[in-house]
Amino acid sequence: MATLTFNDISFEDKEISIQINFLRIFSAEIQKKELEAIGKFSITKNSITFDAAEAKAGKKFNFLLAEAFKNLKNKITRQKTIYIHQNSGIPLIGHNAFGLIDRNTSIIEVRCITGCNLDCLYCSVSQDKRPIDFVVEKDYLVQGFKELVKHKQIDNLEAHIGTQGEPLLYLPLPELIKDLAAIPEVSTIALDTNGTLLTKNKVDELINAGLTRFCFSINAANQELAEKIANKHYNLQHILELLNYISKKQVQLILTPVWIPGINDDEIPKIIELSKKLGCDIGIQNFLNYKFGRNPVKQMSWEEFIEKMKTLEKQHNAHLLFDFKQDFNIRQTTPLPKPFRKSQIIKAKIIAPGRLKNEMLAVAKERVISVHNCNMPLNSSVKLKIIREKHNIFSAVLI
């Protein structure tokens, strides 16, 4: 008899298959007849037992699991999902949706998951044009982060967990924060969140793990409008209670509303006053139009936005225009070497579907590259022209 037990996987019995639940919100299926080919089997919540030798059962089940994961789906967004792990062959640097982003400063962006439980009407990374989700193995992220830290060779670094979606959907988030906090050079760990999945217990768990800053997106102080903007159920009272709870903790709290012209103009002053009541900071964001985002309105020019912020600062006696380098102690660091330059012709290998429609991911020289207007089969060798290389985020076209 061989019993295989997992921490991140649970099993559910279906009519002709076994459903694999991974990191709580992802799922795949293995046909029962494929499992029976290994040996008579039974399941519990987190284990599967085969009437077979342990070595044989482990090897064959891992093969079936890897095949099933090719059809992994996000149960929240219902999107096909790519699992990026140490043996996936997908580097952590090169894409803006997952992995690690180093913009040559003391902040390293950590992107562990895509997808969101809300469906905001202004979302710049909405699922409409992004049929693929990604989730990254926690240990792979931490190891990659440590390697970046060695390159920077400075202390007081910030790990900023901000995703194309909601990071609280990432099951091992507390463990990720704990591992990042254990790195001696890291002094700040920030989290971008809409807060809807938080509870007081979860707040305490994240703080105890080492989180030092909540960046809390709240776009209206009116229940009806808040729900309209979120485009999903949104319990504003719950959010306000959590904000009050967090404001009393030994952690920084920043409210980060997006000013959407013509939609939440009257709410911005209310949120400013809310920040004063809570005794926390506020960082108002200018809604921007993006090619692959939702654009319900035309963005304000930066000149207009800054003038309005100056007016609000006077009206509310509040600090709204930040000098980010000074206010957040952001320092320039040695740039991470870029293996490619713009317009360079390179050879690469197609390894996975991309985040956007008609996009594939290629790999070369330990970087992942987004290839636009590409439907080449997996494992194809391709010739590419680099069209973007800023901050080691690479895009290319086929030639």
Protein backbone atom coordinates (compact mmCIF):
# COMPACT_ATOMS: atom_id res chain seq x y z
CA MET A 1 0.00 0.00 0.00
CA ALA A 2 1.17 3.50 -0.81
CA THR A 3 -0.33 6.65 0.74
CA LEU A 4 0.51 9.98 -0.87
CA THR A 5 -0.23 12.99 1.35
CA PHE A 6 -0.24 16.65 0.26
CA ASN A 7 -0.36 20.03 1.99
CA ASP A 8 -1.63 22.13 -0.92
CA ILE A 9 -3.93 19.55 -2.55
CA SER A 10 -7.28 18.13 -1.52
CA PHE A 11 -9.39 15.49 -3.28
CA GLU A 12 -13.09 15.28 -4.15
CA ASP A 13 -14.89 12.23 -5.51
CA LYS A 14 -16.86 12.92 -8.70
CA GLU A 15 -18.89 10.49 -10.79
CA ILE A 16 -16.14 9.37 -13.16
CA SER A 17 -13.22 11.43 -11.94
CA ILE A 18 -11.38 12.71 -8.89
CA GLN A 19 -11.28 16.49 -8.58
CA ILE A 20 -7.94 17.90 -7.49
CA ASN A 21 -8.31 21.13 -5.49
CA PHE A 22 -5.05 23.07 -5.42
CA LEU A 23 -4.29 26.06 -3.19
CA ARG A 24 -8.02 26.22 -2.43
CA ILE A 25 -9.18 28.12 -5.55
CA PHE A 26 -7.70 26.03 -8.37
CA SER A 27 -8.95 22.70 -9.68
CA ALA A 28 -8.22 19.95 -12.18
CA GLU A 29 -9.53 16.44 -12.72
CA ILE A 30 -8.06 12.97 -13.14
CA GLN A 31 -10.23 10.22 -14.59
CA LYS A 32 -10.83 7.33 -12.17
CA LYS A 33 -9.86 4.78 -14.81
CA GLU A 34 -6.41 6.39 -15.05
CA LEU A 35 -5.98 6.12 -11.28
CA GLU A 36 -7.26 2.53 -11.27
CA ALA A 37 -4.53 1.67 -13.77
CA ILE A 38 -2.06 2.36 -10.94
CA GLY A 39 -3.99 0.18 -8.51
CA LYS A 40 -7.14 0.09 -6.43
CA PHE A 41 -7.33 3.46 -4.67
CA SER A 42 -9.15 5.45 -2.00
CA ILE A 43 -9.03 9.11 -1.04
CA THR A 44 -9.28 11.23 2.07
CA LYS A 45 -9.28 15.03 2.11
CA ASN A 46 -5.53 15.45 1.60
CA SER A 47 -4.28 12.00 0.64
CA ILE A 48 -4.72 9.22 -1.89
CA THR A 49 -3.88 5.59 -1.15
CA PHE A 50 -3.07 2.98 -3.81
CA ASP A 51 -2.85 -0.78 -3.59
CA ALA A 52 0.56 -0.61 -5.23
CA ALA A 53 4.23 -0.25 -4.40
CA GLU A 54 5.10 3.21 -3.12
CA ALA A 55 7.71 3.99 -5.79
CA LYS A 56 5.41 2.92 -8.63
CA ALA A 57 2.38 4.75 -7.22
CA GLY A 58 4.30 7.96 -6.57
CA LYS A 59 5.89 8.08 -10.01
CA LYS A 60 2.70 7.31 -11.94
CA PHE A 61 0.46 9.57 -9.85
CA ASN A 62 2.87 12.50 -10.21
CA PHE A 63 2.76 12.00 -13.98
CA LEU A 64 -1.06 12.06 -13.93
CA LEU A 65 -1.00 15.12 -11.68
CA ALA A 66 1.32 16.98 -14.04
CA GLU A 67 -0.93 16.14 -16.99
CA ALA A 68 -4.04 17.24 -15.06
CA PHE A 69 -2.37 20.54 -14.17
CA LYS A 70 -2.17 21.34 -17.89
CA ASN A 71 -5.93 21.94 -17.54
CA LEU A 72 -5.80 23.72 -14.17
CA LYS A 73 -8.58 26.28 -13.70
CA ASN A 74 -9.19 29.18 -11.35
CA LYS A 75 -12.56 28.56 -9.67
CA ILE A 76 -13.04 32.28 -8.97
CA THR A 77 -12.34 33.66 -12.45
CA ARG A 78 -13.04 30.36 -14.31
CA GLN A 79 -9.89 30.95 -16.32
CA LYS A 80 -7.28 28.44 -17.44
CA THR A 81 -4.34 28.74 -15.05
CA ILE A 82 -0.61 28.21 -15.48
CA TYR A 83 1.24 27.01 -12.37
CA ILE A 84 4.75 28.47 -12.28
CA HIS A 85 7.12 26.46 -10.13
CA GLN A 86 10.80 25.60 -9.84
CA ASN A 87 10.57 22.86 -12.45
CA SER A 88 8.19 24.64 -14.83
CA GLY A 89 10.94 26.14 -16.95
CA ILE A 90 9.32 29.58 -16.64
CA PRO A 91 11.61 32.28 -15.19
CA LEU A 92 10.31 34.71 -12.58
CA ILE A 93 11.69 37.78 -14.35
CA GLY A 94 10.42 39.19 -17.63
CA HIS A 95 6.63 39.51 -17.26
CA ASN A 96 4.50 42.17 -15.55
CA ALA A 97 1.75 39.80 -14.36
CA PHE A 98 3.72 37.29 -12.30
CA GLY A 99 7.03 36.72 -10.61
CA LEU A 100 9.38 39.50 -9.53
CA ILE A 101 9.72 43.02 -10.91
CA ASP A 102 12.80 45.13 -10.20
CA ARG A 103 12.57 48.75 -11.38
CA ASN A 104 16.11 49.52 -10.20
CA THR A 105 14.94 50.79 -6.81
CA SER A 106 14.86 49.55 -3.23
CA ILE A 107 11.38 48.11 -3.92
CA ILE A 108 11.00 44.59 -5.32
CA GLU A 109 7.50 43.85 -6.56
CA VAL A 110 6.23 40.36 -5.74
CA ARG A 111 3.42 39.04 -7.95
CA CYS A 112 2.25 35.67 -6.74
CA ILE A 113 -1.16 35.30 -8.41
CA THR A 114 -3.52 36.82 -10.95
CA GLY A 115 -7.31 37.04 -10.84
CA CYS A 116 -9.68 38.87 -8.55
CA ASN A 117 -12.87 38.29 -6.58
CA LEU A 118 -14.20 41.68 -7.72
CA ASP A 119 -14.90 42.86 -11.27
CA CYS A 120 -14.29 46.61 -11.00
CA LEU A 121 -15.71 48.74 -13.79
CA TYR A 122 -12.40 50.63 -14.15
CA CYS A 123 -10.02 47.64 -13.90
CA SER A 124 -6.82 48.11 -15.88
CA VAL A 125 -6.11 44.35 -15.92
CA SER A 126 -9.63 43.00 -16.35
CA GLN A 127 -10.23 39.37 -17.25
CA ASP A 128 -12.16 40.36 -20.40
CA LYS A 129 -8.98 40.47 -22.48
CA ARG A 130 -6.91 38.13 -20.31
CA PRO A 131 -8.03 34.49 -20.66
CA ILE A 132 -5.07 33.06 -18.71
CA ASP A 133 -4.32 33.23 -14.98
CA PHE A 134 -1.03 32.47 -13.24
CA VAL A 135 -0.12 31.25 -9.78
CA VAL A 136 3.47 30.99 -8.56
CA GLU A 137 4.99 28.48 -6.15
CA LYS A 138 5.81 30.22 -2.88
CA ASP A 139 9.29 28.73 -2.41
CA TYR A 140 10.23 29.59 -6.01
CA LEU A 141 9.27 33.23 -5.38
CA VAL A 142 11.22 33.42 -2.13
CA GLN A 143 14.35 31.90 -3.68
CA GLY A 144 14.17 34.29 -6.63
CA PHE A 145 13.68 37.22 -4.24
CA LYS A 146 16.78 36.25 -2.27
CA GLU A 147 18.82 36.20 -5.48
CA LEU A 148 17.63 39.72 -6.35
CA VAL A 149 18.52 40.90 -2.85
CA LYS A 150 22.10 39.66 -3.34
CA HIS A 151 22.33 41.68 -6.54
CA LYS A 152 21.12 44.89 -4.88
CA GLN A 153 23.61 44.73 -2.01
CA ILE A 154 21.72 47.23 0.18
CA ASP A 155 19.60 47.05 3.32
CA ASN A 156 16.12 48.35 4.10
CA LEU A 157 14.48 46.85 1.03
CA GLU A 158 10.72 46.76 0.50
CA ALA A 159 8.88 43.67 -0.71
CA HIS A 160 5.68 44.97 -2.31
CA ILE A 161 3.05 42.30 -2.85
CA GLY A 162 0.83 43.73 -5.55
CA THR A 163 -0.86 41.59 -8.17
CA GLN A 164 -2.98 41.80 -11.28
CA GLY A 165 -5.91 40.92 -9.02
CA GLU A 166 -6.33 40.25 -5.32
CA PRO A 167 -3.34 38.74 -3.43
CA LEU A 168 -5.56 37.49 -0.59
CA LEU A 169 -6.69 34.76 -3.01
CA TYR A 170 -3.17 33.32 -2.66
CA LEU A 171 -3.47 30.62 -0.01
CA PRO A 172 0.15 30.63 1.23
CA LEU A 173 0.21 34.43 1.57
CA PRO A 174 1.01 34.38 5.33
CA GLU A 175 3.87 31.94 4.71
CA LEU A 176 5.15 34.07 1.82
CA ILE A 177 5.17 37.16 4.06
CA LYS A 178 6.90 35.24 6.87
CA ASP A 179 9.64 34.00 4.53
CA LEU A 180 10.20 37.48 3.06
CA ALA A 181 10.29 39.02 6.55
CA ALA A 182 13.03 36.55 7.53
CA ILE A 183 15.38 38.02 4.90
CA PRO A 184 17.69 40.38 6.85
CA GLU A 185 17.81 43.06 4.14
CA VAL A 186 13.99 43.40 4.06
CA SER A 187 12.54 46.04 6.39
CA THR A 188 9.14 46.69 4.78
CA ILE A 189 6.50 44.33 3.42
CA ALA A 190 3.51 46.01 1.79
CA LEU A 191 0.29 44.48 0.50
CA ASP A 192 -2.17 45.90 -2.05
CA THR A 193 -5.69 44.65 -1.32
CA ASN A 194 -9.36 45.44 -1.85
CA GLY A 195 -9.92 44.12 1.68
CA THR A 196 -13.11 42.19 0.94
CA LEU A 197 -11.53 38.84 1.87
CA LEU A 198 -10.01 40.12 5.10
CA THR A 199 -11.22 39.33 8.59
CA LYS A 200 -9.83 40.59 11.88
CA ASN A 201 -8.16 37.22 12.41
CA LYS A 202 -6.59 37.36 8.94
CA VAL A 203 -5.33 40.90 9.65
CA ASP A 204 -3.65 39.65 12.82
CA GLU A 205 -2.22 36.63 10.99
CA LEU A 206 -0.64 38.80 8.28
CA ILE A 207 0.79 41.29 10.78
CA ASN A 208 2.19 38.49 12.93
CA ALA A 209 3.79 37.01 9.79
CA GLY A 210 5.63 40.28 9.22
CA LEU A 211 3.40 42.55 7.11
CA THR A 212 4.20 46.20 7.81
CA ARG A 213 1.86 48.10 5.43
CA PHE A 214 -1.69 47.66 4.13
CA CYS A 215 -2.44 49.57 0.90
CA PHE A 216 -6.22 49.47 0.95
CA SER A 217 -8.22 50.30 -2.18
CA ILE A 218 -11.53 51.89 -1.26
CA ASN A 219 -13.24 53.91 -3.98
CA ALA A 220 -16.44 55.16 -2.35
CA ALA A 221 -17.88 55.81 1.09
CA ASN A 222 -21.38 55.16 -0.22
CA GLN A 223 -22.63 51.56 -0.24
CA GLU A 224 -24.53 51.74 -3.52
CA LEU A 225 -21.72 53.41 -5.44
CA ALA A 226 -19.04 51.22 -3.88
CA GLU A 227 -20.91 48.15 -5.10
CA LYS A 228 -21.46 49.68 -8.53
CA ILE A 229 -17.73 50.32 -8.91
CA ALA A 230 -16.80 46.85 -7.63
CA ASN A 231 -19.36 45.29 -9.98
CA LYS A 232 -19.84 42.56 -7.34
CA HIS A 233 -21.25 42.27 -3.84
CA TYR A 234 -19.32 44.73 -1.66
CA ASN A 235 -19.93 45.03 2.09
CA LEU A 236 -18.82 48.60 2.80
CA GLN A 237 -19.63 48.34 6.50
CA HIS A 238 -17.31 45.35 6.81
CA ILE A 239 -14.56 47.31 5.05
CA LEU A 240 -14.99 50.29 7.37
CA GLU A 241 -14.86 48.07 10.45
CA LEU A 242 -11.65 46.45 9.19
CA LEU A 243 -10.06 49.82 8.47
CA ASN A 244 -10.86 50.97 12.00
CA TYR A 245 -9.36 47.73 13.36
CA ILE A 246 -6.18 48.01 11.29
CA SER A 247 -5.71 51.68 12.21
CA LYS A 248 -5.22 50.65 15.84
CA LYS A 249 -2.49 48.13 15.00
CA GLN A 250 1.27 48.63 14.82
CA VAL A 251 1.19 48.66 11.03
CA GLN A 252 1.01 51.38 8.39
CA LEU A 253 -2.34 51.87 6.67
CA ILE A 254 -2.72 53.74 3.38
CA LEU A 255 -6.06 54.30 1.66
CA THR A 256 -5.55 54.14 -2.12
CA PRO A 257 -8.76 55.19 -3.91
CA VAL A 258 -8.82 55.54 -7.68
CA TRP A 259 -10.37 58.85 -8.76
CA ILE A 260 -12.66 57.95 -11.68
CA PRO A 261 -13.85 61.24 -13.22
CA GLY A 262 -17.62 61.62 -13.32
CA ILE A 263 -18.16 58.50 -11.22
CA ASN A 264 -16.70 58.96 -7.72
CA ASP A 265 -15.80 62.69 -7.69
CA ASP A 266 -17.98 63.33 -4.62
CA GLU A 267 -16.49 60.33 -2.78
CA ILE A 268 -12.85 61.47 -2.84
CA PRO A 269 -13.38 64.22 -0.20
CA LYS A 270 -15.22 61.70 1.97
CA ILE A 271 -12.33 59.24 1.76
CA ILE A 272 -9.87 62.01 2.61
CA GLU A 273 -11.89 62.75 5.75
CA LEU A 274 -12.06 59.03 6.51
CA SER A 275 -8.26 58.86 6.39
CA LYS A 276 -8.04 61.78 8.83
CA LYS A 277 -10.51 60.08 11.16
CA LEU A 278 -8.49 56.87 11.03
CA GLY A 279 -5.20 58.73 11.41
CA CYS A 280 -3.78 57.02 8.35
CA ASP A 281 -2.21 58.07 5.06
CA ILE A 282 -4.04 58.40 1.76
CA GLY A 283 -2.66 58.01 -1.75
CA ILE A 284 -5.25 59.03 -4.33
CA GLN A 285 -4.65 57.45 -7.74
CA ASN A 286 -5.48 59.04 -11.06
CA PHE A 287 -7.62 56.72 -13.19
CA LEU A 288 -5.71 56.00 -16.41
CA ASN A 289 -6.86 54.65 -19.76
CA TYR A 290 -5.14 51.42 -20.78
CA LYS A 291 -5.29 49.64 -24.14
CA PHE A 292 -6.15 46.32 -22.51
CA GLY A 293 -8.13 47.71 -19.56
CA ARG A 294 -11.68 48.86 -18.96
CA ASN A 295 -12.14 52.50 -19.84
CA PRO A 296 -15.59 53.71 -18.70
CA VAL A 297 -14.44 57.34 -18.83
CA LYS A 298 -11.63 59.47 -20.23
CA GLN A 299 -8.76 60.01 -17.82
CA MET A 300 -7.89 63.37 -16.34
CA SER A 301 -4.67 64.87 -17.58
CA TRP A 302 -1.90 64.78 -15.01
CA GLU A 303 -1.89 68.58 -14.93
CA GLU A 304 -5.59 68.68 -14.08
CA PHE A 305 -5.23 65.89 -11.53
CA ILE A 306 -2.36 67.64 -9.72
CA GLU A 307 -4.21 70.96 -9.63
CA LYS A 308 -7.27 69.27 -8.12
CA MET A 309 -5.10 67.53 -5.56
CA LYS A 310 -3.54 70.84 -4.53
CA THR A 311 -7.03 72.28 -4.06
CA LEU A 312 -8.09 69.29 -1.95
CA GLU A 313 -4.95 69.57 0.16
CA LYS A 314 -5.93 73.14 1.10
CA GLN A 315 -9.60 72.32 1.65
CA HIS A 316 -8.92 69.33 3.89
CA ASN A 317 -5.55 70.30 5.38
CA ALA A 318 -4.19 66.93 4.24
CA HIS A 319 -0.99 65.67 2.65
CA LEU A 320 -2.04 64.25 -0.74
CA LEU A 321 0.83 64.85 -3.16
CA PHE A 322 3.67 62.54 -2.27
CA ASP A 323 7.34 62.75 -3.00
CA PHE A 324 7.59 58.99 -3.25
CA LYS A 325 11.38 58.81 -3.01
CA GLN A 326 11.38 60.84 0.20
CA ASP A 327 8.07 59.76 1.75
CA PHE A 328 8.69 56.04 1.18
CA ASN A 329 12.50 56.05 1.38
CA ILE A 330 12.84 54.80 -2.19
CA ARG A 331 16.45 54.62 -3.35
CA GLN A 332 17.96 53.87 -6.73
CA THR A 333 19.92 50.62 -6.92
CA THR A 334 22.25 48.94 -9.37
CA PRO A 335 20.20 47.99 -12.45
CA LEU A 336 19.62 44.30 -13.00
CA PRO A 337 21.47 43.35 -16.21
CA LYS A 338 19.21 42.97 -19.25
CA PRO A 339 20.18 40.12 -21.57
CA PHE A 340 18.39 41.73 -24.54
CA ARG A 341 18.14 45.20 -26.02
CA LYS A 342 15.30 46.77 -28.00
CA SER A 343 15.17 45.71 -31.68
CA GLN A 344 17.54 42.79 -31.02
CA ILE A 345 16.81 39.55 -32.92
CA ILE A 346 16.93 36.50 -30.66
CA LYS A 347 16.09 32.80 -30.64
CA ALA A 348 13.71 31.54 -27.96
CA LYS A 349 11.43 28.64 -27.06
CA ILE A 350 7.64 28.88 -26.71
CA ILE A 351 6.74 27.49 -23.31
CA ALA A 352 3.21 28.55 -22.29
CA PRO A 353 0.15 30.62 -23.26
CA GLY A 354 0.41 34.31 -22.41
CA ARG A 355 -1.86 36.42 -20.22
CA LEU A 356 -3.45 38.26 -23.17
CA LYS A 357 -5.39 36.83 -26.08
CA ASN A 358 -3.19 35.74 -29.00
CA GLU A 359 -0.09 35.88 -26.85
CA MET A 360 2.44 33.20 -25.98
CA LEU A 361 5.32 33.14 -23.53
CA ALA A 362 8.83 32.37 -24.72
CA VAL A 363 11.99 31.76 -22.71
CA ALA A 364 15.60 32.69 -23.41
CA LYS A 365 18.59 33.52 -21.20
CA GLU A 366 16.60 33.06 -17.95
CA ARG A 367 13.96 35.61 -18.95
CA VAL A 368 10.34 35.16 -19.94
CA ILE A 369 9.23 37.09 -23.01
CA SER A 370 5.66 37.99 -24.06
CA VAL A 371 5.20 37.30 -27.76
CA HIS A 372 2.31 39.27 -29.29
CA ASN A 373 0.03 37.92 -32.05
CA CYS A 374 1.48 34.47 -31.64
CA ASN A 375 -0.22 31.07 -31.81
CA MET A 376 2.86 28.90 -32.20
CA PRO A 377 2.64 25.46 -30.56
CA LEU A 378 4.36 24.77 -27.25
CA ASN A 379 8.05 23.89 -27.40
CA SER A 380 8.46 25.61 -30.77
CA SER A 381 11.79 27.27 -31.45
CA VAL A 382 11.14 30.80 -32.71
CA LYS A 383 13.00 33.86 -33.89
CA LEU A 384 11.88 37.06 -32.19
CA LYS A 385 12.43 40.80 -32.37
CA ILE A 386 12.46 42.50 -28.96
CA ILE A 387 10.10 45.50 -28.87
CA ARG A 388 10.15 46.22 -25.11
CA GLU A 389 12.89 45.70 -22.54
CA LYS A 390 12.28 48.33 -19.84
CA HIS A 391 12.90 47.10 -16.29
CA ASN A 392 13.60 43.59 -17.59
CA ILE A 393 9.98 43.22 -18.76
CA PHE A 394 10.23 41.89 -22.30
CA SER A 395 7.83 41.87 -25.24
CA ALA A 396 8.59 40.64 -28.74
CA VAL A 397 7.10 39.83 -32.13
CA LEU A 398 7.74 36.91 -34.43
CA ILE A 399 9.97 37.47 -37.42
